[in-house]
N, C-alpha and C. Protein backbone atom coordinates (compact mmCIF):
# COMPACT_ATOMS: atom_id res chain seq x y z
N UNK A 1 93.51 36.91 20.23
CA UNK A 1 93.19 35.85 21.12
C UNK A 1 91.72 35.69 21.39
N UNK A 2 90.96 35.94 20.46
CA UNK A 2 89.51 35.77 20.69
C UNK A 2 89.17 34.36 21.13
N UNK A 3 88.22 34.25 22.05
CA UNK A 3 87.78 32.96 22.53
C UNK A 3 86.23 33.00 22.44
N UNK A 4 85.63 32.01 21.82
CA UNK A 4 84.17 31.84 21.80
C UNK A 4 83.86 30.49 22.29
N UNK A 5 83.12 30.45 23.44
CA UNK A 5 82.64 29.19 24.03
C UNK A 5 81.13 29.16 23.77
N UNK A 6 80.71 28.07 23.27
CA UNK A 6 79.24 27.81 23.06
C UNK A 6 78.85 26.60 23.87
N UNK A 7 77.94 26.77 24.82
CA UNK A 7 77.39 25.73 25.60
C UNK A 7 75.94 25.62 25.19
N UNK A 8 75.54 24.40 24.88
CA UNK A 8 74.15 24.17 24.44
C UNK A 8 73.59 22.87 25.01
N UNK A 9 72.29 22.80 25.11
CA UNK A 9 71.64 21.55 25.56
C UNK A 9 71.37 20.63 24.37
N UNK A 10 71.69 21.04 23.21
CA UNK A 10 71.58 20.11 22.02
C UNK A 10 72.60 19.00 22.17
N UNK A 11 72.23 17.83 21.70
CA UNK A 11 73.15 16.70 21.61
C UNK A 11 73.85 16.62 20.28
N UNK A 12 75.13 16.86 20.24
CA UNK A 12 75.86 16.77 18.97
C UNK A 12 76.86 15.66 19.07
N UNK A 13 77.16 15.04 17.98
CA UNK A 13 78.20 14.02 17.94
C UNK A 13 79.54 14.70 17.99
N UNK A 14 80.57 13.96 18.28
CA UNK A 14 81.95 14.53 18.34
C UNK A 14 82.30 15.11 16.96
N UNK A 15 81.87 14.47 15.92
CA UNK A 15 82.14 14.96 14.53
C UNK A 15 81.42 16.28 14.31
N UNK A 16 80.17 16.36 14.77
CA UNK A 16 79.39 17.62 14.59
C UNK A 16 80.03 18.73 15.38
N UNK A 17 80.53 18.44 16.61
CA UNK A 17 81.20 19.46 17.43
C UNK A 17 82.43 19.96 16.72
N UNK A 18 83.24 19.09 16.09
CA UNK A 18 84.45 19.50 15.32
C UNK A 18 84.06 20.40 14.16
N UNK A 19 83.00 20.02 13.47
CA UNK A 19 82.48 20.78 12.27
C UNK A 19 82.08 22.14 12.74
N UNK A 20 81.28 22.29 13.84
CA UNK A 20 80.79 23.55 14.31
C UNK A 20 81.96 24.39 14.83
N UNK A 21 82.94 23.78 15.50
CA UNK A 21 84.10 24.49 15.91
C UNK A 21 84.82 25.16 14.82
N UNK A 22 84.99 24.50 13.71
CA UNK A 22 85.66 25.09 12.56
C UNK A 22 84.88 26.25 11.99
N UNK A 23 83.54 26.08 11.88
CA UNK A 23 82.70 27.14 11.37
C UNK A 23 82.69 28.36 12.25
N UNK A 24 82.61 28.08 13.58
CA UNK A 24 82.56 29.20 14.56
C UNK A 24 83.90 29.91 14.59
N UNK A 25 84.98 29.19 14.51
CA UNK A 25 86.30 29.81 14.52
C UNK A 25 86.46 30.81 13.38
N UNK A 26 86.08 30.36 12.19
CA UNK A 26 86.15 31.26 10.97
C UNK A 26 85.31 32.43 11.12
N UNK A 27 84.06 32.24 11.64
CA UNK A 27 83.08 33.29 11.79
C UNK A 27 83.59 34.32 12.79
N UNK A 28 84.22 33.86 13.90
CA UNK A 28 84.64 34.82 14.92
C UNK A 28 85.82 35.66 14.31
N UNK A 29 86.70 35.04 13.63
CA UNK A 29 87.83 35.78 12.99
C UNK A 29 87.28 36.87 12.03
N UNK A 30 86.27 36.54 11.30
CA UNK A 30 85.66 37.49 10.38
C UNK A 30 84.93 38.60 11.16
N UNK A 31 84.11 38.21 12.15
CA UNK A 31 83.39 39.25 12.98
C UNK A 31 84.31 40.23 13.61
N UNK A 32 85.44 39.73 14.14
CA UNK A 32 86.32 40.57 14.95
C UNK A 32 87.49 41.17 14.12
N UNK A 33 87.55 40.70 12.85
CA UNK A 33 88.56 41.10 11.92
C UNK A 33 89.97 40.84 12.52
N UNK A 34 90.10 39.61 12.98
CA UNK A 34 91.40 39.18 13.55
C UNK A 34 91.82 37.85 12.79
N UNK A 35 93.12 37.58 12.80
CA UNK A 35 93.57 36.41 12.13
C UNK A 35 93.09 35.16 12.85
N UNK A 36 92.57 34.19 12.08
CA UNK A 36 91.99 33.00 12.70
C UNK A 36 93.00 32.20 13.48
N UNK A 37 94.28 32.35 13.20
CA UNK A 37 95.35 31.62 13.96
C UNK A 37 95.28 31.92 15.44
N UNK A 38 94.67 33.06 15.83
CA UNK A 38 94.55 33.47 17.25
C UNK A 38 93.26 33.08 17.86
N UNK A 39 92.32 32.62 17.10
CA UNK A 39 90.96 32.30 17.58
C UNK A 39 90.89 30.97 18.28
N UNK A 40 90.26 30.89 19.42
CA UNK A 40 89.90 29.62 20.07
C UNK A 40 88.45 29.48 20.10
N UNK A 41 87.92 28.32 19.70
CA UNK A 41 86.49 28.05 19.72
C UNK A 41 86.22 26.76 20.44
N UNK A 42 85.23 26.84 21.30
CA UNK A 42 84.85 25.62 22.06
C UNK A 42 83.36 25.39 21.94
N UNK A 43 82.99 24.21 21.59
CA UNK A 43 81.55 23.81 21.55
C UNK A 43 81.39 22.74 22.55
N UNK A 44 80.50 23.01 23.53
CA UNK A 44 80.15 22.00 24.54
C UNK A 44 78.67 21.64 24.40
N UNK A 45 78.36 20.50 23.83
CA UNK A 45 76.95 20.15 23.65
C UNK A 45 76.54 19.21 24.73
N UNK A 46 75.25 18.93 24.77
CA UNK A 46 74.69 17.99 25.73
C UNK A 46 74.71 18.53 27.13
N UNK A 47 74.74 19.80 27.29
CA UNK A 47 74.83 20.40 28.63
C UNK A 47 73.43 20.40 29.27
N UNK A 48 73.36 20.31 30.60
CA UNK A 48 72.02 20.47 31.29
C UNK A 48 71.80 21.95 31.39
N UNK A 49 70.90 22.41 30.57
CA UNK A 49 70.69 23.87 30.47
C UNK A 49 69.17 24.14 30.23
N UNK A 50 68.64 25.02 30.95
CA UNK A 50 67.25 25.51 30.74
C UNK A 50 67.26 26.98 30.57
N UNK A 51 66.27 27.48 29.83
CA UNK A 51 66.13 28.92 29.60
C UNK A 51 64.67 29.21 29.76
N UNK A 52 64.34 30.13 30.69
CA UNK A 52 62.93 30.49 30.87
C UNK A 52 62.06 29.35 31.34
N UNK A 53 62.74 28.38 32.09
CA UNK A 53 61.96 27.22 32.65
C UNK A 53 61.78 26.11 31.60
N UNK A 54 62.33 26.31 30.42
CA UNK A 54 62.12 25.30 29.32
C UNK A 54 63.46 24.67 28.91
N UNK A 55 63.44 23.44 28.55
CA UNK A 55 64.65 22.78 28.08
C UNK A 55 64.71 22.66 26.56
N UNK A 56 63.86 23.47 25.87
CA UNK A 56 63.95 23.53 24.39
C UNK A 56 65.38 24.02 24.05
N UNK A 57 65.84 23.76 22.83
CA UNK A 57 67.14 24.17 22.43
C UNK A 57 67.53 25.65 22.81
N UNK A 58 68.66 25.75 23.48
CA UNK A 58 69.16 27.01 23.96
C UNK A 58 70.67 26.99 23.95
N UNK A 59 71.24 28.15 24.15
CA UNK A 59 72.74 28.23 24.22
C UNK A 59 73.19 29.37 25.10
N UNK A 60 74.36 29.24 25.74
CA UNK A 60 75.06 30.26 26.39
C UNK A 60 76.37 30.41 25.69
N UNK A 61 76.70 31.67 25.31
CA UNK A 61 77.93 31.93 24.56
C UNK A 61 78.76 32.95 25.40
N UNK A 62 80.01 32.64 25.40
CA UNK A 62 81.00 33.63 25.99
C UNK A 62 81.90 34.00 24.83
N UNK A 63 81.97 35.32 24.62
CA UNK A 63 82.92 35.85 23.61
C UNK A 63 83.87 36.78 24.37
N UNK A 64 85.15 36.42 24.30
CA UNK A 64 86.21 37.19 25.02
C UNK A 64 87.24 37.57 23.99
N UNK A 65 87.67 38.83 23.98
CA UNK A 65 88.73 39.26 23.10
C UNK A 65 89.43 40.47 23.64
N UNK A 66 90.73 40.59 23.36
CA UNK A 66 91.49 41.80 23.69
C UNK A 66 90.93 42.94 22.85
N UNK A 67 90.57 44.02 23.50
CA UNK A 67 90.17 45.22 22.71
C UNK A 67 88.67 45.23 22.39
N UNK A 68 87.91 44.32 22.93
CA UNK A 68 86.46 44.30 22.64
C UNK A 68 85.80 45.51 23.26
N UNK A 69 85.02 46.22 22.45
CA UNK A 69 84.41 47.45 22.91
C UNK A 69 82.89 47.25 23.07
N UNK A 70 82.29 48.00 24.04
CA UNK A 70 80.88 47.88 24.27
C UNK A 70 80.09 48.25 23.00
N UNK A 71 80.51 49.22 22.24
CA UNK A 71 79.79 49.60 21.05
C UNK A 71 79.70 48.45 20.02
N UNK A 72 80.58 47.48 20.10
CA UNK A 72 80.62 46.35 19.22
C UNK A 72 79.65 45.26 19.64
N UNK A 73 79.22 45.25 20.86
CA UNK A 73 78.53 44.12 21.40
C UNK A 73 77.13 43.87 20.77
N UNK A 74 76.35 44.96 20.50
CA UNK A 74 75.04 44.72 19.87
C UNK A 74 75.15 44.16 18.48
N UNK A 75 76.01 44.74 17.62
CA UNK A 75 76.15 44.09 16.27
C UNK A 75 76.67 42.67 16.36
N UNK A 76 77.62 42.39 17.28
CA UNK A 76 78.16 41.05 17.45
C UNK A 76 77.04 40.13 17.90
N UNK A 77 76.20 40.59 18.84
CA UNK A 77 75.11 39.79 19.27
C UNK A 77 74.19 39.32 18.16
N UNK A 78 73.89 40.25 17.28
CA UNK A 78 73.06 39.87 16.10
C UNK A 78 73.76 38.91 15.19
N UNK A 79 75.04 39.08 14.97
CA UNK A 79 75.83 38.07 14.14
C UNK A 79 75.87 36.73 14.77
N UNK A 80 76.19 36.67 16.05
CA UNK A 80 76.32 35.43 16.77
C UNK A 80 74.95 34.71 16.80
N UNK A 81 73.89 35.41 17.11
CA UNK A 81 72.52 34.83 17.09
C UNK A 81 72.17 34.26 15.74
N UNK A 82 72.51 34.99 14.70
CA UNK A 82 72.22 34.54 13.35
C UNK A 82 73.06 33.23 13.08
N UNK A 83 74.32 33.23 13.47
CA UNK A 83 75.18 32.09 13.29
C UNK A 83 74.65 30.86 14.03
N UNK A 84 74.20 31.00 15.26
CA UNK A 84 73.68 29.90 16.04
C UNK A 84 72.32 29.36 15.39
N UNK A 85 71.50 30.34 14.91
CA UNK A 85 70.26 29.90 14.28
C UNK A 85 70.58 29.11 13.03
N UNK A 86 71.50 29.62 12.23
CA UNK A 86 71.84 28.96 10.96
C UNK A 86 72.44 27.59 11.16
N UNK A 87 73.42 27.53 12.13
CA UNK A 87 74.20 26.27 12.28
C UNK A 87 73.56 25.25 13.25
N UNK A 88 72.78 25.76 14.31
CA UNK A 88 72.25 24.88 15.29
C UNK A 88 70.74 24.92 15.45
N UNK A 89 70.11 25.83 14.61
CA UNK A 89 68.69 26.01 14.68
C UNK A 89 68.20 26.43 16.07
N UNK A 90 68.99 27.24 16.70
CA UNK A 90 68.57 27.83 18.04
C UNK A 90 68.05 29.22 17.83
N UNK A 91 66.87 29.47 18.23
CA UNK A 91 66.27 30.84 18.04
C UNK A 91 67.09 31.88 18.85
N UNK A 92 67.15 33.09 18.34
CA UNK A 92 67.89 34.16 18.97
C UNK A 92 67.38 34.45 20.37
N UNK A 93 66.08 34.24 20.60
CA UNK A 93 65.52 34.51 21.92
C UNK A 93 65.79 33.38 22.93
N UNK A 94 66.58 32.42 22.52
CA UNK A 94 66.98 31.29 23.43
C UNK A 94 68.50 31.30 23.57
N UNK A 95 69.12 32.44 23.43
CA UNK A 95 70.57 32.60 23.48
C UNK A 95 70.99 33.72 24.45
N UNK A 96 71.84 33.45 25.42
CA UNK A 96 72.46 34.54 26.16
C UNK A 96 73.92 34.56 25.75
N UNK A 97 74.46 35.80 25.65
CA UNK A 97 75.84 36.01 25.30
C UNK A 97 76.49 36.92 26.26
N UNK A 98 77.63 36.47 26.77
CA UNK A 98 78.43 37.30 27.67
C UNK A 98 79.65 37.78 26.95
N UNK A 99 79.79 39.08 26.81
CA UNK A 99 80.96 39.66 26.18
C UNK A 99 81.97 40.13 27.19
N UNK A 100 83.26 39.85 26.95
CA UNK A 100 84.31 40.24 27.90
C UNK A 100 85.48 40.81 27.08
N UNK A 101 85.91 42.04 27.52
CA UNK A 101 87.15 42.62 26.99
C UNK A 101 88.28 42.05 27.89
N UNK A 102 89.16 41.29 27.29
CA UNK A 102 90.23 40.65 27.99
C UNK A 102 91.48 41.57 28.11
N UNK A 103 91.89 41.85 29.33
CA UNK A 103 93.06 42.63 29.46
C UNK A 103 94.30 41.85 29.11
N UNK A 104 95.17 42.51 28.34
CA UNK A 104 96.38 41.79 27.79
C UNK A 104 97.16 41.09 28.86
N UNK A 105 97.39 41.76 30.01
CA UNK A 105 98.24 41.14 31.03
C UNK A 105 97.57 40.04 31.79
N UNK A 106 96.22 39.86 31.61
CA UNK A 106 95.50 38.82 32.33
C UNK A 106 95.15 37.64 31.43
N UNK A 107 95.76 37.60 30.29
CA UNK A 107 95.46 36.48 29.38
C UNK A 107 96.81 35.87 28.96
N UNK A 108 96.98 34.60 29.27
CA UNK A 108 98.30 33.92 29.02
C UNK A 108 98.24 33.13 27.82
N UNK A 109 99.46 32.92 27.27
CA UNK A 109 99.67 32.14 26.06
C UNK A 109 101.16 31.88 25.96
N UNK A 110 101.54 30.65 25.59
CA UNK A 110 102.94 30.33 25.23
C UNK A 110 103.92 30.73 26.33
N UNK A 111 103.53 30.53 27.58
CA UNK A 111 104.44 30.75 28.70
C UNK A 111 104.52 32.20 29.10
N UNK A 112 103.70 33.07 28.51
CA UNK A 112 103.71 34.53 28.91
C UNK A 112 102.26 35.05 28.85
N UNK A 113 102.18 36.31 28.67
CA UNK A 113 100.83 36.94 28.50
C UNK A 113 100.91 37.76 27.18
N UNK A 114 99.80 38.37 26.84
CA UNK A 114 99.73 39.24 25.70
C UNK A 114 100.11 40.66 25.94
N UNK A 115 100.60 40.94 27.19
CA UNK A 115 101.01 42.33 27.58
C UNK A 115 102.27 42.69 26.87
């Protein structure tokens, strides 16, 4: 049930958001070694966002997954920053990432939880 939410101040068309969603979904599945059928990806562009007092391109990313370990966060940060640089041309030093280990019983799906 990995979830990656990308909020950025870049202006993307609806078609570009769909394209990036597909790319990010596949990338998250590969990064976390999980089946893509469980991955949710959200791209929210055109957000009012500043970083360091500047409105140059920037992003906030939330990555949530059951079983996410702290030891995985640094390598995942490098991979996510590289992905955002490649796909959105956002420099790594303009990205914040929040990692969350989702507890099975606190994440719902299909009328139940993953517990």
